[in-house]
């Protein structure tokens, strides 16, 4: 999913399921970032980065990428000092990204927004649209009770051990479009 601002300005572990899907997500995001034809260096903000595996994969696939990673959780004790990747990490409040307007070329969300409480969603999306020229989002749509049940089961399996909330409902295409519109983001492409 691709979005552009209306004003034209332009201790986590990976589960087996996430490990299998990670190369697919890395390919998805790297393809979309390349398609923007931005000159290097390309500054990317990964919102809801977890253990930063996605960003690490993007750094391997894309030359000239500068990554910053944010999440609501503090970095794992001890790892922040000993693991160099945590130098690009910042904790944030989950509502407003702590960056100046146009700080990044691209802001990415990978399976994050359906976990954001409704009272924070619009402000987070608007903050992303202000912080970056482009926002690329990969998330889930539900198409009825069965798909909702399957999404909740997968979310529970992947997130239970980390204290991440599992939503009662997921976005429909319509609710997703409406949230983006309220946040002031324009859809450049939407696939499901």
Protein backbone atom coordinates (compact mmCIF):
# COMPACT_ATOMS: atom_id res chain seq x y z
CA UNK A 1 0.00 0.00 0.00
CA UNK A 2 1.35 3.43 -0.89
CA UNK A 3 0.32 6.75 0.55
CA UNK A 4 1.42 10.31 0.11
CA UNK A 5 0.49 13.33 2.21
CA UNK A 6 -2.40 15.31 0.70
CA UNK A 7 -0.38 18.51 0.68
CA UNK A 8 2.01 16.89 -1.81
CA UNK A 9 4.96 16.78 0.58
CA UNK A 10 5.83 14.15 -0.64
CA UNK A 11 13.13 -8.30 24.15
CA UNK A 12 11.56 -9.43 20.84
CA UNK A 13 12.04 -12.77 19.12
CA UNK A 14 10.97 -13.90 15.67
CA UNK A 15 8.56 -16.83 15.53
CA UNK A 16 8.75 -19.55 12.90
CA UNK A 17 5.86 -18.07 10.92
CA UNK A 18 7.46 -14.63 10.93
CA UNK A 19 10.82 -16.11 9.92
CA UNK A 20 9.24 -17.80 6.88
CA UNK A 21 7.41 -14.65 5.81
CA UNK A 22 10.28 -12.24 6.46
CA UNK A 23 11.98 -12.62 3.04
CA UNK A 24 8.61 -11.97 1.38
CA UNK A 25 8.12 -8.78 3.40
CA UNK A 26 11.69 -7.64 2.72
CA UNK A 27 11.13 -8.16 -1.00
CA UNK A 28 7.77 -6.36 -0.88
CA UNK A 29 9.15 -3.27 0.84
CA UNK A 30 12.41 -3.14 -1.12
CA UNK A 31 10.48 -3.38 -4.41
CA UNK A 32 8.15 -0.55 -3.40
CA UNK A 33 11.00 1.65 -2.16
CA UNK A 34 12.94 1.09 -5.40
CA UNK A 35 9.82 1.97 -7.44
CA UNK A 36 9.83 5.45 -5.88
CA UNK A 37 13.07 6.19 -7.78
CA UNK A 38 14.52 8.24 -4.95
CA UNK A 39 18.18 9.29 -5.06
CA UNK A 40 20.50 7.75 -2.48
CA UNK A 41 20.80 8.01 0.38
CA UNK A 42 17.19 7.02 1.04
CA UNK A 43 16.14 7.67 4.63
CA UNK A 44 13.62 5.12 5.91
CA UNK A 45 11.73 5.05 9.21
CA UNK A 46 10.47 1.59 10.29
CA UNK A 47 7.54 2.14 12.68
CA UNK A 48 6.74 -0.79 14.95
CA UNK A 49 10.08 -2.37 14.08
CA UNK A 50 10.13 -5.05 16.78
CA UNK A 51 13.51 -6.78 16.59
CA UNK A 52 14.51 -4.84 13.45
CA UNK A 53 14.79 -7.97 11.26
CA UNK A 54 12.85 -6.26 8.46
CA UNK A 55 15.15 -3.24 8.51
CA UNK A 56 18.23 -5.47 8.57
CA UNK A 57 16.94 -7.24 5.46
CA UNK A 58 16.21 -3.94 3.73
CA UNK A 59 19.74 -2.74 4.49
CA UNK A 60 21.09 -5.85 2.76
CA UNK A 61 18.85 -5.47 -0.31
CA UNK A 62 18.99 -1.72 -0.88
CA UNK A 63 22.18 0.24 -1.42
CA UNK A 64 22.26 3.73 0.01
CA UNK A 65 19.54 3.24 2.63
CA UNK A 66 19.67 4.97 6.02
CA UNK A 67 17.38 3.31 8.57
CA UNK A 68 15.82 4.54 11.77
CA UNK A 69 13.63 2.18 13.79
CA UNK A 70 10.95 3.00 16.37
CA UNK A 71 8.65 0.96 18.58
CA UNK A 72 6.75 1.41 21.82
CA UNK A 73 8.88 -1.09 23.74
CA UNK A 74 12.23 -0.35 25.37
CA UNK A 75 15.22 -2.13 23.82
CA UNK A 76 16.12 -5.45 25.44
CA UNK A 77 18.37 -4.98 28.45
CA UNK A 78 22.01 -5.52 27.63
CA UNK A 79 21.47 -5.83 23.88
CA UNK A 80 21.21 -2.08 23.35
CA UNK A 81 24.81 -1.63 24.43
CA UNK A 82 26.27 -4.73 22.77
CA UNK A 83 24.38 -4.93 19.44
CA UNK A 84 25.13 -2.16 16.92
CA UNK A 85 21.69 -2.35 15.29
CA UNK A 86 20.11 -0.90 18.43
CA UNK A 87 21.94 2.40 17.76
CA UNK A 88 19.31 3.18 15.11
CA UNK A 89 16.43 2.43 17.53
CA UNK A 90 14.23 4.90 19.41
CA UNK A 91 11.34 4.20 21.71
CA UNK A 92 8.22 6.35 21.16
CA UNK A 93 4.77 6.83 22.69
CA UNK A 94 2.85 5.01 19.92
CA UNK A 95 0.88 8.11 19.03
CA UNK A 96 3.21 10.75 17.59
CA UNK A 97 6.49 10.07 15.84
CA UNK A 98 9.27 12.11 17.49
CA UNK A 99 10.67 13.57 14.27
CA UNK A 100 10.53 16.87 12.42
CA UNK A 101 8.44 17.28 9.28
CA UNK A 102 10.02 15.65 6.23
CA UNK A 103 12.72 13.89 8.27
CA UNK A 104 12.48 10.77 6.09
CA UNK A 105 11.99 9.87 2.47
CA UNK A 106 9.90 6.81 3.38
CA UNK A 107 8.01 5.67 6.48
CA UNK A 108 7.09 1.97 6.61
CA UNK A 109 4.61 -0.03 8.70
CA UNK A 110 4.64 -3.82 8.52
CA UNK A 111 1.63 -5.46 10.20
CA UNK A 112 1.52 -2.73 12.84
CA UNK A 113 -1.57 -0.57 12.37
CA UNK A 114 -4.14 -3.21 13.29
CA UNK A 115 -2.55 -3.28 16.77
CA UNK A 116 -2.81 0.49 17.26
CA UNK A 117 -5.73 1.52 19.52
CA UNK A 118 -8.43 3.46 17.69
CA UNK A 119 -7.77 6.61 19.74
CA UNK A 120 -4.15 6.68 18.49
CA UNK A 121 -4.52 5.52 14.89
CA UNK A 122 -5.30 8.82 13.16
CA UNK A 123 -2.63 10.78 15.02
CA UNK A 124 -0.03 8.10 14.24
CA UNK A 125 -0.94 8.06 10.54
CA UNK A 126 -0.91 11.86 10.36
CA UNK A 127 2.43 11.92 12.15
CA UNK A 128 3.83 9.41 9.63
CA UNK A 129 2.55 11.53 6.74
CA UNK A 130 4.30 14.56 8.20
CA UNK A 131 7.57 12.76 9.00
CA UNK A 132 7.99 11.19 5.56
CA UNK A 133 7.52 12.01 1.91
CA UNK A 134 5.98 8.57 1.33
CA UNK A 135 4.32 6.07 3.65
CA UNK A 136 4.24 2.38 2.72
CA UNK A 137 1.94 0.14 4.75
CA UNK A 138 1.55 -3.62 4.78
CA UNK A 139 -1.34 -4.74 6.97
CA UNK A 140 -4.31 -7.12 7.11
CA UNK A 141 -7.86 -6.78 5.79
CA UNK A 142 -10.72 -8.86 7.04
CA UNK A 143 -13.46 -9.99 4.70
CA UNK A 144 -15.88 -11.55 7.18
CA UNK A 145 -16.02 -13.71 10.28
CA UNK A 146 -13.85 -16.52 8.93
CA UNK A 147 -10.98 -14.26 7.84
CA UNK A 148 -11.25 -12.37 11.15
CA UNK A 149 -10.98 -15.67 13.03
CA UNK A 150 -7.91 -16.71 11.02
CA UNK A 151 -6.23 -13.32 11.46
CA UNK A 152 -6.85 -13.37 15.21
CA UNK A 153 -5.46 -16.90 15.50
CA UNK A 154 -2.30 -15.92 13.60
CA UNK A 155 -1.93 -12.71 15.60
CA UNK A 156 -2.35 -14.61 18.86
CA UNK A 157 0.27 -17.19 17.88
CA UNK A 158 2.74 -14.55 16.73
CA UNK A 159 2.23 -11.95 19.43
CA UNK A 160 0.96 -13.56 22.63
CA UNK A 161 4.38 -13.99 24.20
CA UNK A 162 5.25 -10.34 23.69
CA UNK A 163 2.24 -8.68 25.26
CA UNK A 164 1.05 -7.27 21.92
CA UNK A 165 -2.71 -6.78 21.81
CA UNK A 166 -4.76 -8.87 19.41
CA UNK A 167 -7.58 -6.79 17.94
CA UNK A 168 -11.24 -7.77 17.95
CA UNK A 169 -11.57 -6.57 14.37
CA UNK A 170 -9.24 -5.77 11.49
CA UNK A 171 -9.47 -3.20 8.77
CA UNK A 172 -11.89 -3.59 5.92
CA UNK A 173 -10.81 -1.89 2.70
CA UNK A 174 -13.36 0.83 3.43
CA UNK A 175 -12.33 1.45 7.05
CA UNK A 176 -8.68 1.54 6.01
CA UNK A 177 -9.33 4.09 3.27
CA UNK A 178 -11.43 6.18 5.67
CA UNK A 179 -8.69 6.23 8.33
CA UNK A 180 -6.12 7.34 5.75
CA UNK A 181 -8.39 10.09 4.47
CA UNK A 182 -9.02 11.44 7.97
CA UNK A 183 -5.25 11.41 8.60
CA UNK A 184 -4.70 13.45 5.42
CA UNK A 185 -3.02 10.70 3.41
CA UNK A 186 -3.75 10.08 -0.25
CA UNK A 187 -3.68 6.52 -1.59
CA UNK A 188 -1.38 6.05 -4.57
CA UNK A 189 -1.96 2.28 -4.76
CA UNK A 190 -3.84 -0.36 -2.81
CA UNK A 191 -3.50 -4.11 -3.26
CA UNK A 192 -4.91 -7.02 -1.36
